[in-house]
């Protein structure tokens, strides 16, 4: 069983940084390329419930600006469809470790996740 899941895209430097962060600490991880496989509805709902949809969007990113979303008022379901087609609309990566979640390049949250995993006995990982 994987301890850390990283949802992102290969072209995202922040996604690659998250992968390096956990690999350097010997923490097992699973990287899900959102260009190949969209997030399951229940998975993205966890992030929306904790952070709200607006916090997940990369409003300064090229994809967001090019899509004209700055001037559109869309429902969450319409935004989810757009995100499924273009995951770069999100602040990547989205990182999950059990019930802990992080959005974007958030090393302090990653360190908390690593600390929790380090405190668990290896047999429980």
Protein backbone atom coordinates (compact mmCIF):
# COMPACT_ATOMS: atom_id res chain seq x y z
CA UNK A 1 0.00 0.00 0.00
CA UNK A 2 1.27 3.45 -0.93
CA UNK A 3 1.65 6.02 1.81
CA UNK A 4 1.78 9.18 -0.30
CA UNK A 5 -0.14 9.97 -3.46
CA UNK A 6 0.92 12.85 -5.66
CA UNK A 7 -1.57 14.04 -8.26
CA UNK A 8 0.06 16.19 -10.92
CA UNK A 9 1.47 16.32 -14.43
CA UNK A 10 4.95 15.40 -15.60
CA UNK A 11 5.58 18.89 -17.00
CA UNK A 12 4.93 20.54 -13.61
CA UNK A 13 8.12 21.47 -11.76
CA UNK A 14 6.18 21.53 -8.46
CA UNK A 15 4.96 17.96 -9.09
CA UNK A 16 8.52 16.82 -9.76
CA UNK A 17 9.70 18.67 -6.61
CA UNK A 18 7.12 16.83 -4.49
CA UNK A 19 8.25 13.51 -5.91
CA UNK A 20 11.90 14.34 -5.16
CA UNK A 21 11.03 15.49 -1.64
CA UNK A 22 9.45 12.17 -0.68
CA UNK A 23 11.93 9.98 -2.62
CA UNK A 24 14.89 11.67 -0.87
CA UNK A 25 13.34 10.68 2.46
CA UNK A 26 12.74 7.08 1.35
CA UNK A 27 8.97 7.46 1.57
CA UNK A 28 6.97 5.18 -0.74
CA UNK A 29 4.83 7.16 -3.12
CA UNK A 30 2.51 6.90 -6.04
CA UNK A 31 2.52 9.61 -8.68
CA UNK A 32 -0.68 9.91 -10.68
CA UNK A 33 -0.27 11.77 -13.98
CA UNK A 34 -3.51 13.68 -14.41
CA UNK A 35 -2.90 13.95 -18.15
CA UNK A 36 -3.22 10.15 -18.36
CA UNK A 37 -5.82 9.52 -15.66
CA UNK A 38 -8.18 12.12 -14.16
CA UNK A 39 -8.77 12.17 -10.42
CA UNK A 40 -11.67 10.12 -9.16
CA UNK A 41 -14.62 12.31 -8.11
CA UNK A 42 -14.30 11.19 -4.47
CA UNK A 43 -10.60 12.02 -4.45
CA UNK A 44 -10.97 15.57 -5.73
CA UNK A 45 -13.95 16.04 -3.38
CA UNK A 46 -11.58 15.51 -0.42
CA UNK A 47 -9.48 18.44 -1.59
CA UNK A 48 -12.52 20.62 -2.35
CA UNK A 49 -14.02 19.86 1.09
CA UNK A 50 -10.80 20.89 2.83
CA UNK A 51 -9.61 23.81 0.69
CA UNK A 52 -12.63 24.89 -1.45
CA UNK A 53 -12.62 24.86 -5.24
CA UNK A 54 -11.24 28.39 -5.50
CA UNK A 55 -8.11 27.42 -3.54
CA UNK A 56 -7.41 24.52 -5.91
CA UNK A 57 -7.39 26.67 -9.03
CA UNK A 58 -4.15 28.17 -10.34
CA UNK A 59 -5.71 31.55 -11.15
CA UNK A 60 -2.36 32.99 -12.22
CA UNK A 61 -1.47 30.08 -14.47
CA UNK A 62 -1.35 30.17 -18.26
CA UNK A 63 -4.04 27.49 -18.63
CA UNK A 64 -6.47 29.43 -16.42
CA UNK A 65 -5.87 32.69 -18.26
CA UNK A 66 -5.97 31.09 -21.72
CA UNK A 67 -9.28 29.38 -20.88
CA UNK A 68 -10.78 32.79 -20.04
CA UNK A 69 -11.91 31.55 -16.64
CA UNK A 70 -11.02 34.85 -15.02
CA UNK A 71 -14.13 36.37 -16.56
CA UNK A 72 -16.46 33.36 -16.36
CA UNK A 73 -18.77 32.36 -13.56
CA UNK A 74 -18.93 28.55 -13.64
CA UNK A 75 -20.46 26.03 -11.29
CA UNK A 76 -18.15 23.61 -9.50
CA UNK A 77 -19.37 20.77 -11.74
CA UNK A 78 -18.54 22.79 -14.89
CA UNK A 79 -15.12 23.62 -13.44
CA UNK A 80 -14.50 19.94 -12.67
CA UNK A 81 -15.18 19.08 -16.32
CA UNK A 82 -12.68 21.73 -17.42
CA UNK A 83 -10.12 20.44 -14.90
CA UNK A 84 -10.57 16.89 -16.18
CA UNK A 85 -9.68 18.13 -19.69
CA UNK A 86 -6.87 20.41 -18.49
CA UNK A 87 -5.40 19.47 -15.09
CA UNK A 88 -2.98 22.42 -15.31
CA UNK A 89 -5.92 24.56 -14.17
CA UNK A 90 -5.12 23.21 -10.68
CA UNK A 91 -2.41 24.39 -8.31
CA UNK A 92 -0.27 21.31 -8.67
CA UNK A 93 0.61 19.02 -7.11
CA UNK A 94 -2.22 17.77 -4.97
CA UNK A 95 -0.65 15.54 -2.31
CA UNK A 96 -2.44 13.10 -0.03
CA UNK A 97 -1.04 11.10 2.86
CA UNK A 98 -3.83 9.30 4.72
CA UNK A 99 -6.07 12.18 5.90
CA UNK A 100 -3.47 14.90 5.36
CA UNK A 101 -3.77 16.98 2.19
CA UNK A 102 -1.61 19.61 0.53
CA UNK A 103 -2.11 21.81 -2.52
CA UNK A 104 0.69 23.26 -4.61
CA UNK A 105 4.36 23.46 -3.65
CA UNK A 106 3.88 23.28 0.13
CA UNK A 107 7.05 21.90 1.72
CA UNK A 108 5.84 22.60 5.25
CA UNK A 109 2.81 20.33 4.71
CA UNK A 110 5.05 17.71 3.05
CA UNK A 111 7.38 17.81 6.09
CA UNK A 112 4.40 17.21 8.40
CA UNK A 113 3.40 14.21 6.26
CA UNK A 114 6.95 12.86 6.33
CA UNK A 115 7.11 13.31 10.13
CA UNK A 116 3.86 11.37 10.61
CA UNK A 117 5.14 8.57 8.39
CA UNK A 118 8.51 8.51 10.16
CA UNK A 119 6.74 8.12 13.51
CA UNK A 120 4.85 5.02 12.32
CA UNK A 121 6.51 1.66 12.76
CA UNK A 122 7.78 0.29 9.42
CA UNK A 123 5.41 -2.70 9.66
CA UNK A 124 2.42 -0.34 9.50
CA UNK A 125 3.55 1.44 6.35
